[in-house]
Amino acid sequence: MKIIAKITDIRTGNVHDYDASDSVLADSSPNIWIWSDGNYSCDCNLHRFFTGKDEDVSCETMFYQVELVVDGVVVFSTIGNWTLDDAINDAKKFNVA
């Protein structure tokens, strides 16, 4: 099973395909929860997956959106749920803008 997390930086519109083939549960089904509500849904991790760099990024910035694609089919998406204005306002609220 091929699992790709298509991560979008909503500030730039750039998209990075991250190999998420290790995001599976014990029954070999895709682990959607880790991307929707778990540790991978956090911007600090999405930034690391997007850039490949382990930099200090606030978890609350919401600068990234993700689509989880399993064997070519989108099974989870946050695309459209958060806008750049939302991200900028959140960043200001958390003093990271």
PDB file of N, CA and C in Angstrom:
ATOM      1  N   MET A   1       0.854  -1.174   0.000  1.00  0.00           N
ATOM      2  CA  MET A   1       0.000   0.000   0.000  1.00  0.00           C
ATOM      3  C   MET A   1       0.899   1.235   0.000  1.00  0.00           C
ATOM      4  N   LYS A   2       0.628   2.148  -0.932  1.00  0.00           N
ATOM      5  CA  LYS A   2       1.391   3.388  -1.014  1.00  0.00           C
ATOM      6  C   LYS A   2       0.575   4.506  -0.364  1.00  0.00           C
ATOM      7  N   ILE A   3       1.161   5.133   0.647  1.00  0.00           N
ATOM      8  CA  ILE A   3       0.501   6.231   1.359  1.00  0.00           C
ATOM      9  C   ILE A   3       1.350   7.487   1.191  1.00  0.00           C
ATOM     10  N   ILE A   4       0.741   8.521   0.646  1.00  0.00           N
ATOM     11  CA  ILE A   4       1.411   9.806   0.455  1.00  0.00           C
ATOM     12  C   ILE A   4       0.636  10.876   1.208  1.00  0.00           C
ATOM     13  N   ALA A   5       1.334  11.674   1.986  1.00  0.00           N
ATOM     14  CA  ALA A   5       0.734  12.855   2.611  1.00  0.00           C
ATOM     15  C   ALA A   5       1.130  14.042   1.746  1.00  0.00           C
ATOM     16  N   LYS A   6       0.155  14.629   1.085  1.00  0.00           N
ATOM     17  CA  LYS A   6       0.396  15.816   0.267  1.00  0.00           C
ATOM     18  C   LYS A   6       0.227  17.018   1.198  1.00  0.00           C
ATOM     19  N   ILE A   7       1.342  17.622   1.582  1.00  0.00           N
ATOM     20  CA  ILE A   7       1.340  18.710   2.557  1.00  0.00           C
ATOM     21  C   ILE A   7       1.468  20.035   1.818  1.00  0.00           C
ATOM     22  N   THR A   8       0.537  20.936   2.073  1.00  0.00           N
ATOM     23  CA  THR A   8       0.517  22.244   1.427  1.00  0.00           C
ATOM     24  C   THR A   8       0.849  23.326   2.438  1.00  0.00           C
ATOM     25  N   ASP A   9       1.818  24.179   2.090  1.00  0.00           N
ATOM     26  CA  ASP A   9       2.097  25.378   2.883  1.00  0.00           C
ATOM     27  C   ASP A   9       1.148  26.450   2.370  1.00  0.00           C
ATOM     28  N   ILE A  10       0.140  26.815   3.161  1.00  0.00           N
ATOM     29  CA  ILE A  10      -0.885  27.733   2.666  1.00  0.00           C
ATOM     30  C   ILE A  10      -0.371  29.164   2.516  1.00  0.00           C
ATOM     31  N   ARG A  11       0.807  29.448   3.030  1.00  0.00           N
ATOM     32  CA  ARG A  11       1.389  30.784   2.832  1.00  0.00           C
ATOM     33  C   ARG A  11       1.911  30.939   1.413  1.00  0.00           C
ATOM     34  N   THR A  12       2.384  29.851   0.828  1.00  0.00           N
ATOM     35  CA  THR A  12       3.007  29.911  -0.495  1.00  0.00           C
ATOM     36  C   THR A  12       2.245  29.129  -1.555  1.00  0.00           C
ATOM     37  N   GLY A  13       1.422  28.174  -1.126  1.00  0.00           N
ATOM     38  CA  GLY A  13       0.741  27.294  -2.064  1.00  0.00           C
ATOM     39  C   GLY A  13       1.595  26.116  -2.495  1.00  0.00           C
ATOM     40  N   ASN A  14       2.850  26.060  -2.038  1.00  0.00           N
ATOM     41  CA  ASN A  14       3.741  24.952  -2.394  1.00  0.00           C
ATOM     42  C   ASN A  14       3.254  23.657  -1.753  1.00  0.00           C
ATOM     43  N   VAL A  15       3.396  22.570  -2.504  1.00  0.00           N
ATOM     44  CA  VAL A  15       2.958  21.252  -2.037  1.00  0.00           C
ATOM     45  C   VAL A  15       4.157  20.312  -2.020  1.00  0.00           C
ATOM     46  N   HIS A  16       4.260  19.533  -0.952  1.00  0.00           N
ATOM     47  CA  HIS A  16       5.317  18.532  -0.823  1.00  0.00           C
ATOM     48  C   HIS A  16       4.673  17.170  -0.597  1.00  0.00           C
ATOM     49  N   ASP A  17       5.107  16.184  -1.380  1.00  0.00           N
ATOM     50  CA  ASP A  17       4.634  14.815  -1.185  1.00  0.00           C
ATOM     51  C   ASP A  17       5.556  14.127  -0.193  1.00  0.00           C
ATOM     52  N   TYR A  18       4.977  13.698   0.915  1.00  0.00           N
ATOM     53  CA  TYR A  18       5.728  13.020   1.967  1.00  0.00           C
ATOM     54  C   TYR A  18       5.337  11.544   1.968  1.00  0.00           C
ATOM     55  N   ASP A  19       6.331  10.671   1.911  1.00  0.00           N
ATOM     56  CA  ASP A  19       6.078   9.239   1.943  1.00  0.00           C
ATOM     57  C   ASP A  19       5.624   8.850   3.346  1.00  0.00           C
ATOM     58  N   ALA A  20       4.345   8.523   3.462  1.00  0.00           N
ATOM     59  CA  ALA A  20       3.758   8.193   4.760  1.00  0.00           C
ATOM     60  C   ALA A  20       3.410   6.715   4.843  1.00  0.00           C
ATOM     61  N   SER A  21       4.157   5.903   4.118  1.00  0.00           N
ATOM     62  CA  SER A  21       3.865   4.471   4.060  1.00  0.00           C
ATOM     63  C   SER A  21       3.962   3.778   5.415  1.00  0.00           C
ATOM     64  N   ASP A  22       4.617   4.431   6.379  1.00  0.00           N
ATOM     65  CA  ASP A  22       4.709   3.843   7.722  1.00  0.00           C
ATOM     66  C   ASP A  22       3.497   4.214   8.593  1.00  0.00           C
ATOM     67  N   SER A  23       2.546   4.955   8.029  1.00  0.00           N
ATOM     68  CA  SER A  23       1.358   5.388   8.779  1.00  0.00           C
ATOM     69  C   SER A  23       0.258   4.346   8.673  1.00  0.00           C
ATOM     70  N   VAL A  24       0.522   3.173   9.236  1.00  0.00           N
ATOM     71  CA  VAL A  24      -0.465   2.090   9.182  1.00  0.00           C
ATOM     72  C   VAL A  24      -0.745   1.564  10.588  1.00  0.00           C
ATOM     73  N   LEU A  25      -1.928   0.998  10.728  1.00  0.00           N
ATOM     74  CA  LEU A  25      -2.322   0.379  11.986  1.00  0.00           C
ATOM     75  C   LEU A  25      -1.932  -1.093  11.967  1.00  0.00           C
ATOM     76  N   ALA A  26      -2.133  -1.771  13.082  1.00  0.00           N
ATOM     77  CA  ALA A  26      -1.764  -3.192  13.205  1.00  0.00           C
ATOM     78  C   ALA A  26      -2.464  -4.058  12.154  1.00  0.00           C
ATOM     79  N   ASP A  27      -3.662  -3.647  11.732  1.00  0.00           N
ATOM     80  CA  ASP A  27      -4.398  -4.435  10.732  1.00  0.00           C
ATOM     81  C   ASP A  27      -4.026  -4.035   9.299  1.00  0.00           C
ATOM     82  N   SER A  28      -2.970  -3.226   9.155  1.00  0.00           N
ATOM     83  CA  SER A  28      -2.443  -2.759   7.868  1.00  0.00           C
ATOM     84  C   SER A  28      -3.311  -1.711   7.183  1.00  0.00           C
ATOM     85  N   SER A  29      -4.325  -1.187   7.861  1.00  0.00           N
ATOM     86  CA  SER A  29      -5.115  -0.105   7.289  1.00  0.00           C
ATOM     87  C   SER A  29      -4.399   1.224   7.551  1.00  0.00           C
ATOM     88  N   PRO A  30      -4.664   2.246   6.714  1.00  0.00           N
ATOM     89  CA  PRO A  30      -3.989   3.535   6.928  1.00  0.00           C
ATOM     90  C   PRO A  30      -4.413   4.172   8.250  1.00  0.00           C
ATOM     91  N   ASN A  31      -3.447   4.769   8.932  1.00  0.00           N
ATOM     92  CA  ASN A  31      -3.721   5.432  10.208  1.00  0.00           C
ATOM     93  C   ASN A  31      -4.117   6.882   9.928  1.00  0.00           C
ATOM     94  N   ILE A  32      -5.392   7.091   9.693  1.00  0.00           N
ATOM     95  CA  ILE A  32      -5.891   8.439   9.398  1.00  0.00           C
ATOM     96  C   ILE A  32      -5.868   9.303  10.650  1.00  0.00           C
ATOM     97  N   TRP A  33      -6.156   8.719  11.800  1.00  0.00           N
ATOM     98  CA  TRP A  33      -6.223   9.485  13.048  1.00  0.00           C
ATOM     99  C   TRP A  33      -4.923  10.240  13.337  1.00  0.00           C
ATOM    100  N   ILE A  34      -3.768   9.605  13.081  1.00  0.00           N
ATOM    101  CA  ILE A  34      -2.491  10.266  13.388  1.00  0.00           C
ATOM    102  C   ILE A  34      -2.350  11.576  12.610  1.00  0.00           C
ATOM    103  N   TRP A  35      -2.984  11.631  11.414  1.00  0.00           N
ATOM    104  CA  TRP A  35      -2.933  12.840  10.579  1.00  0.00           C
ATOM    105  C   TRP A  35      -4.065  13.809  10.888  1.00  0.00           C
ATOM    106  N   SER A  36      -5.197  13.298  11.357  1.00  0.00           N
ATOM    107  CA  SER A  36      -6.345  14.180  11.610  1.00  0.00           C
ATOM    108  C   SER A  36      -6.313  14.799  13.008  1.00  0.00           C
ATOM    109  N   ASP A  37      -5.939  14.004  14.013  1.00  0.00           N
ATOM    110  CA  ASP A  37      -5.983  14.475  15.393  1.00  0.00           C
ATOM    111  C   ASP A  37      -4.737  14.140  16.195  1.00  0.00           C
ATOM    112  N   GLY A  38      -3.913  13.272  15.665  1.00  0.00           N
ATOM    113  CA  GLY A  38      -2.728  12.821  16.381  1.00  0.00           C
ATOM    114  C   GLY A  38      -1.526  13.727  16.176  1.00  0.00           C
ATOM    115  N   ASN A  39      -0.377  13.195  16.513  1.00  0.00           N
ATOM    116  CA  ASN A  39       0.861  13.969  16.511  1.00  0.00           C
ATOM    117  C   ASN A  39       1.230  14.534  15.133  1.00  0.00           C
ATOM    118  N   TYR A  40       0.881  13.819  14.064  1.00  0.00           N
ATOM    119  CA  TYR A  40       1.247  14.287  12.716  1.00  0.00           C
ATOM    120  C   TYR A  40       0.393  15.459  12.260  1.00  0.00           C
ATOM    121  N   SER A  41      -0.704  15.743  12.953  1.00  0.00           N
ATOM    122  CA  SER A  41      -1.563  16.858  12.569  1.00  0.00           C
ATOM    123  C   SER A  41      -1.016  18.199  13.050  1.00  0.00           C
ATOM    124  N   CYS A  42      -0.021  18.161  13.886  1.00  0.00           N
ATOM    125  CA  CYS A  42       0.569  19.354  14.487  1.00  0.00           C
ATOM    126  C   CYS A  42       1.518  20.045  13.494  1.00  0.00           C
ATOM    127  N   ASP A  43       1.473  21.367  13.445  1.00  0.00           N
ATOM    128  CA  ASP A  43       2.305  22.098  12.498  1.00  0.00           C
ATOM    129  C   ASP A  43       3.801  21.873  12.698  1.00  0.00           C
ATOM    130  N   CYS A  44       4.240  21.621  13.921  1.00  0.00           N
ATOM    131  CA  CYS A  44       5.672  21.393  14.112  1.00  0.00           C
ATOM    132  C   CYS A  44       6.098  20.137  13.345  1.00  0.00           C
ATOM    133  N   ASN A  45       5.273  19.096  13.349  1.00  0.00           N
ATOM    134  CA  ASN A  45       5.590  17.888  12.592  1.00  0.00           C
ATOM    135  C   ASN A  45       5.352  18.074  11.104  1.00  0.00           C
ATOM    136  N   LEU A  46       4.259  18.728  10.727  1.00  0.00           N
ATOM    137  CA  LEU A  46       4.012  18.969   9.305  1.00  0.00           C
ATOM    138  C   LEU A  46       5.130  19.796   8.690  1.00  0.00           C
ATOM    139  N   HIS A  47       5.668  20.755   9.445  1.00  0.00           N
ATOM    140  CA  HIS A  47       6.794  21.555   8.957  1.00  0.00           C
ATOM    141  C   HIS A  47       8.015  20.662   8.725  1.00  0.00           C
ATOM    142  N   ARG A  48       8.266  19.763   9.654  1.00  0.00           N
ATOM    143  CA  ARG A  48       9.405  18.853   9.517  1.00  0.00           C
ATOM    144  C   ARG A  48       9.229  17.939   8.310  1.00  0.00           C
ATOM    145  N   PHE A  49       8.017  17.409   8.122  1.00  0.00           N
ATOM    146  CA  PHE A  49       7.749  16.556   6.966  1.00  0.00           C
ATOM    147  C   PHE A  49       7.866  17.348   5.661  1.00  0.00           C
ATOM    148  N   PHE A  50       7.429  18.610   5.683  1.00  0.00           N
ATOM    149  CA  PHE A  50       7.432  19.456   4.485  1.00  0.00           C
ATOM    150  C   PHE A  50       8.849  19.864   4.094  1.00  0.00           C
ATOM    151  N   THR A  51       9.640  20.291   5.078  1.00  0.00           N
ATOM    152  CA  THR A  51      10.967  20.842   4.789  1.00  0.00           C
ATOM    153  C   THR A  51      12.101  19.834   4.945  1.00  0.00           C
ATOM    154  N   GLY A  52      11.867  18.798   5.732  1.00  0.00           N
ATOM    155  CA  GLY A  52      12.943  17.853   6.035  1.00  0.00           C
ATOM    156  C   GLY A  52      13.891  18.383   7.095  1.00  0.00           C
ATOM    157  N   LYS A  53      13.526  19.514   7.711  1.00  0.00           N
ATOM    158  CA  LYS A  53      14.377  20.143   8.731  1.00  0.00           C
ATOM    159  C   LYS A  53      13.688  20.072  10.089  1.00  0.00           C
ATOM    160  N   ASP A  54      14.468  19.835  11.115  1.00  0.00           N
ATOM    161  CA  ASP A  54      13.953  19.793  12.479  1.00  0.00           C
ATOM    162  C   ASP A  54      14.155  21.167  13.103  1.00  0.00           C
ATOM    163  N   GLU A  55      13.240  22.086  12.787  1.00  0.00           N
ATOM    164  CA  GLU A  55      13.335  23.464  13.270  1.00  0.00           C
ATOM    165  C   GLU A  55      12.272  23.710  14.330  1.00  0.00           C
ATOM    166  N   ASP A  56      12.479  24.733  15.132  1.00  0.00           N
ATOM    167  CA  ASP A  56      11.548  25.086  16.189  1.00  0.00           C
ATOM    168  C   ASP A  56      10.361  25.838  15.583  1.00  0.00           C
ATOM    169  N   VAL A  57       9.247  25.149  15.417  1.00  0.00           N
ATOM    170  CA  VAL A  57       8.031  25.731  14.853  1.00  0.00           C
ATOM    171  C   VAL A  57       6.902  25.504  15.844  1.00  0.00           C
ATOM    172  N   SER A  58       6.101  26.524  16.071  1.00  0.00           N
ATOM    173  CA  SER A  58       4.980  26.408  17.004  1.00  0.00           C
ATOM    174  C   SER A  58       3.935  25.434  16.481  1.00  0.00           C
ATOM    175  N   CYS A  59       3.386  24.670  17.372  1.00  0.00           N
ATOM    176  CA  CYS A  59       2.343  23.711  17.001  1.00  0.00           C
ATOM    177  C   CYS A  59       1.041  24.405  16.608  1.00  0.00           C
ATOM    178  N   GLU A  60       0.859  25.635  17.002  1.00  0.00           N
ATOM    179  CA  GLU A  60      -0.411  26.324  16.820  1.00  0.00           C
ATOM    180  C   GLU A  60      -0.491  27.188  15.571  1.00  0.00           C
ATOM    181  N   THR A  61       0.533  27.205  14.714  1.00  0.00           N
ATOM    182  CA  THR A  61       0.529  28.159  13.604  1.00  0.00           C
ATOM    183  C   THR A  61      -0.490  27.848  12.531  1.00  0.00           C
ATOM    184  N   MET A  62      -0.761  26.574  12.262  1.00  0.00           N
ATOM    185  CA  MET A  62      -1.734  26.162  11.246  1.00  0.00           C
ATOM    186  C   MET A  62      -1.363  26.670   9.855  1.00  0.00           C
ATOM    187  N   PHE A  63      -0.090  26.621   9.500  1.00  0.00           N
ATOM    188  CA  PHE A  63       0.369  27.049   8.182  1.00  0.00           C
ATOM    189  C   PHE A  63       0.313  25.923   7.157  1.00  0.00           C
ATOM    190  N   TYR A  64      -0.023  24.715   7.591  1.00  0.00           N
ATOM    191  CA  TYR A  64      -0.004  23.565   6.686  1.00  0.00           C
ATOM    192  C   TYR A  64      -1.353  22.871   6.642  1.00  0.00           C
ATOM    193  N   GLN A  65      -1.676  22.356   5.459  1.00  0.00           N
ATOM    194  CA  GLN A  65      -2.842  21.518   5.267  1.00  0.00           C
ATOM    195  C   GLN A  65      -2.352  20.210   4.669  1.00  0.00           C
ATOM    196  N   VAL A  66      -3.134  19.152   4.834  1.00  0.00           N
ATOM    197  CA  VAL A  66      -2.672  17.838   4.376  1.00  0.00           C
ATOM    198  C   VAL A  66      -3.805  17.057   3.724  1.00  0.00           C
ATOM    199  N   GLU A  67      -3.439  16.329   2.681  1.00  0.00           N
ATOM    200  CA  GLU A  67      -4.302  15.323   2.078  1.00  0.00           C
ATOM    201  C   GLU A  67      -3.576  13.996   2.212  1.00  0.00           C
ATOM    202  N   LEU A  68      -4.255  13.000   2.717  1.00  0.00           N
ATOM    203  CA  LEU A  68      -3.673  11.669   2.827  1.00  0.00           C
ATOM    204  C   LEU A  68      -4.208  10.842   1.660  1.00  0.00           C
ATOM    205  N   VAL A  69      -3.282  10.364   0.834  1.00  0.00           N
ATOM    206  CA  VAL A  69      -3.635   9.646  -0.387  1.00  0.00           C
ATOM    207  C   VAL A  69      -3.133   8.208  -0.268  1.00  0.00           C
ATOM    208  N   VAL A  70      -4.056   7.263  -0.384  1.00  0.00           N
ATOM    209  CA  VAL A  70      -3.718   5.846  -0.286  1.00  0.00           C
ATOM    210  C   VAL A  70      -3.982   5.201  -1.648  1.00  0.00           C
ATOM    211  N   ASP A  71      -2.923   4.690  -2.240  1.00  0.00           N
ATOM    212  CA  ASP A  71      -3.029   4.056  -3.559  1.00  0.00           C
ATOM    213  C   ASP A  71      -3.804   4.926  -4.548  1.00  0.00           C
ATOM    214  N   GLY A  72      -3.510   6.244  -4.529  1.00  0.00           N
ATOM    215  CA  GLY A  72      -4.102   7.183  -5.472  1.00  0.00           C
ATOM    216  C   GLY A  72      -5.458   7.735  -5.089  1.00  0.00           C
ATOM    217  N   VAL A  73      -6.002   7.334  -3.939  1.00  0.00           N
ATOM    218  CA  VAL A  73      -7.326   7.788  -3.509  1.00  0.00           C
ATOM    219  C   VAL A  73      -7.183   8.648  -2.248  1.00  0.00           C
ATOM    220  N   VAL A  74      -7.760   9.855  -2.271  1.00  0.00           N
ATOM    221  CA  VAL A  74      -7.734  10.729  -1.094  1.00  0.00           C
ATOM    222  C   VAL A  74      -8.655  10.135  -0.033  1.00  0.00           C
ATOM    223  N   VAL A  75      -8.082   9.822   1.138  1.00  0.00           N
ATOM    224  CA  VAL A  75      -8.871   9.232   2.229  1.00  0.00           C
ATOM    225  C   VAL A  75      -9.080  10.207   3.388  1.00  0.00           C
ATOM    226  N   PHE A  76      -8.336  11.306   3.380  1.00  0.00           N
ATOM    227  CA  PHE A  76      -8.476  12.323   4.423  1.00  0.00           C
ATOM    228  C   PHE A  76      -7.928  13.628   3.876  1.00  0.00           C
ATOM    229  N   SER A  77      -8.570  14.742   4.218  1.00  0.00           N
ATOM    230  CA  SER A  77      -8.090  16.036   3.741  1.00  0.00           C
ATOM    231  C   SER A  77      -8.479  17.151   4.699  1.00  0.00           C
ATOM    232  N   THR A  78      -7.541  18.063   4.921  1.00  0.00           N
ATOM    233  CA  THR A  78      -7.844  19.300   5.645  1.00  0.00           C
ATOM    234  C   THR A  78      -7.869  20.478   4.677  1.00  0.00           C
ATOM    235  N   ILE A  79      -7.653  20.221   3.396  1.00  0.00           N
ATOM    236  CA  ILE A  79      -7.618  21.278   2.378  1.00  0.00           C
ATOM    237  C   ILE A  79      -8.964  21.996   2.366  1.00  0.00           C
ATOM    238  N   GLY A  80      -8.894  23.318   2.444  1.00  0.00           N
ATOM    239  CA  GLY A  80     -10.105  24.125   2.431  1.00  0.00           C
ATOM    240  C   GLY A  80     -10.682  24.400   3.807  1.00  0.00           C
ATOM    241  N   ASN A  81     -10.174  23.706   4.822  1.00  0.00           N
ATOM    242  CA  ASN A  81     -10.695  23.918   6.168  1.00  0.00           C
ATOM    243  C   ASN A  81     -10.027  25.090   6.873  1.00  0.00           C
ATOM    244  N   TRP A  82      -8.940  25.586   6.350  1.00  0.00           N
ATOM    245  CA  TRP A  82      -8.178  26.634   7.008  1.00  0.00           C
ATOM    246  C   TRP A  82      -7.631  27.560   5.931  1.00  0.00           C
ATOM    247  N   THR A  83      -7.776  28.842   6.100  1.00  0.00           N
ATOM    248  CA  THR A  83      -7.304  29.795   5.106  1.00  0.00           C
ATOM    249  C   THR A  83      -6.030  30.465   5.591  1.00  0.00           C
ATOM    250  N   LEU A  84      -5.357  31.149   4.682  1.00  0.00           N
ATOM    251  CA  LEU A  84      -4.162  31.892   5.057  1.00  0.00           C
ATOM    252  C   LEU A  84      -4.494  32.956   6.092  1.00  0.00           C
ATOM    253  N   ASP A  85      -5.632  33.628   5.939  1.00  0.00           N
ATOM    254  CA  ASP A  85      -6.027  34.634   6.931  1.00  0.00           C
ATOM    255  C   ASP A  85      -6.204  34.004   8.309  1.00  0.00           C
ATOM    256  N   ASP A  86      -6.796  32.820   8.349  1.00  0.00           N
ATOM    257  CA  ASP A  86      -6.936  32.108   9.626  1.00  0.00           C
ATOM    258  C   ASP A  86      -5.562  31.842  10.229  1.00  0.00           C
ATOM    259  N   ALA A  87      -4.626  31.379   9.396  1.00  0.00           N
ATOM    260  CA  ALA A  87      -3.282  31.055   9.876  1.00  0.00           C
ATOM    261  C   ALA A  87      -2.568  32.288  10.397  1.00  0.00           C
ATOM    262  N   ILE A  88      -2.687  33.389   9.664  1.00  0.00           N
ATOM    263  CA  ILE A  88      -2.019  34.628  10.090  1.00  0.00           C
ATOM    264  C   ILE A  88      -2.618  35.122  11.404  1.00  0.00           C
ATOM    265  N   ASN A  89      -3.931  35.090  11.518  1.00  0.00           N
ATOM    266  CA  ASN A  89      -4.582  35.517  12.762  1.00  0.00           C
ATOM    267  C   ASN A  89      -4.180  34.630  13.925  1.00  0.00           C
ATOM    268  N   ASP A  90      -4.110  33.321  13.683  1.00  0.00           N
ATOM    269  CA  ASP A  90      -3.678  32.404  14.734  1.00  0.00           C
ATOM    270  C   ASP A  90      -2.231  32.681  15.124  1.00  0.00           C
ATOM    271  N   ALA A  91      -1.377  32.915  14.136  1.00  0.00           N
ATOM    272  CA  ALA A  91       0.024  33.182  14.407  1.00  0.00           C
ATOM    273  C   ALA A  91       0.177  34.427  15.273  1.00  0.00           C
ATOM    274  N   LYS A  92      -0.609  35.453  14.979  1.00  0.00           N
ATOM    275  CA  LYS A  92      -0.564  36.674  15.777  1.00  0.00           C
ATOM    276  C   LYS A  92      -1.032  36.402  17.205  1.00  0.00           C
ATOM    277  N   LYS A  93      -2.082  35.591  17.318  1.00  0.00           N
ATOM    278  CA  LYS A  93      -2.626  35.258  18.632  1.00  0.00           C
ATOM    279  C   LYS A  93      -1.574  34.531  19.492  1.00  0.00           C
ATOM    280  N   PHE A  94      -0.777  33.699  18.844  1.00  0.00           N
ATOM    281  CA  PHE A  94       0.240  32.927  19.579  1.00  0.00           C
ATOM    282  C   PHE A  94       1.635  33.565  19.496  1.00  0.00           C
ATOM    283  N   ASN A  95       1.681  34.824  19.025  1.00  0.00           N
ATOM    284  CA  ASN A  95       2.932  35.577  18.925  1.00  0.00           C
ATOM    285  C   ASN A  95       4.013  34.861  18.117  1.00  0.00           C
ATOM    286  N   VAL A  96       3.621  34.256  16.996  1.00  0.00           N
ATOM    287  CA  VAL A  96       4.602  33.603  16.139  1.00  0.00           C
ATOM    288  C   VAL A  96       4.612  34.222  14.735  1.00  0.00           C
ATOM    289  N   ALA A  97       3.873  35.320  14.531  1.00  0.00           N
ATOM    290  CA  ALA A  97       3.825  35.955  13.211  1.00  0.00           C
ATOM    291  C   ALA A  97       5.021  36.867  13.031  1.00  0.00           C
TER     292      ALA A  97
END
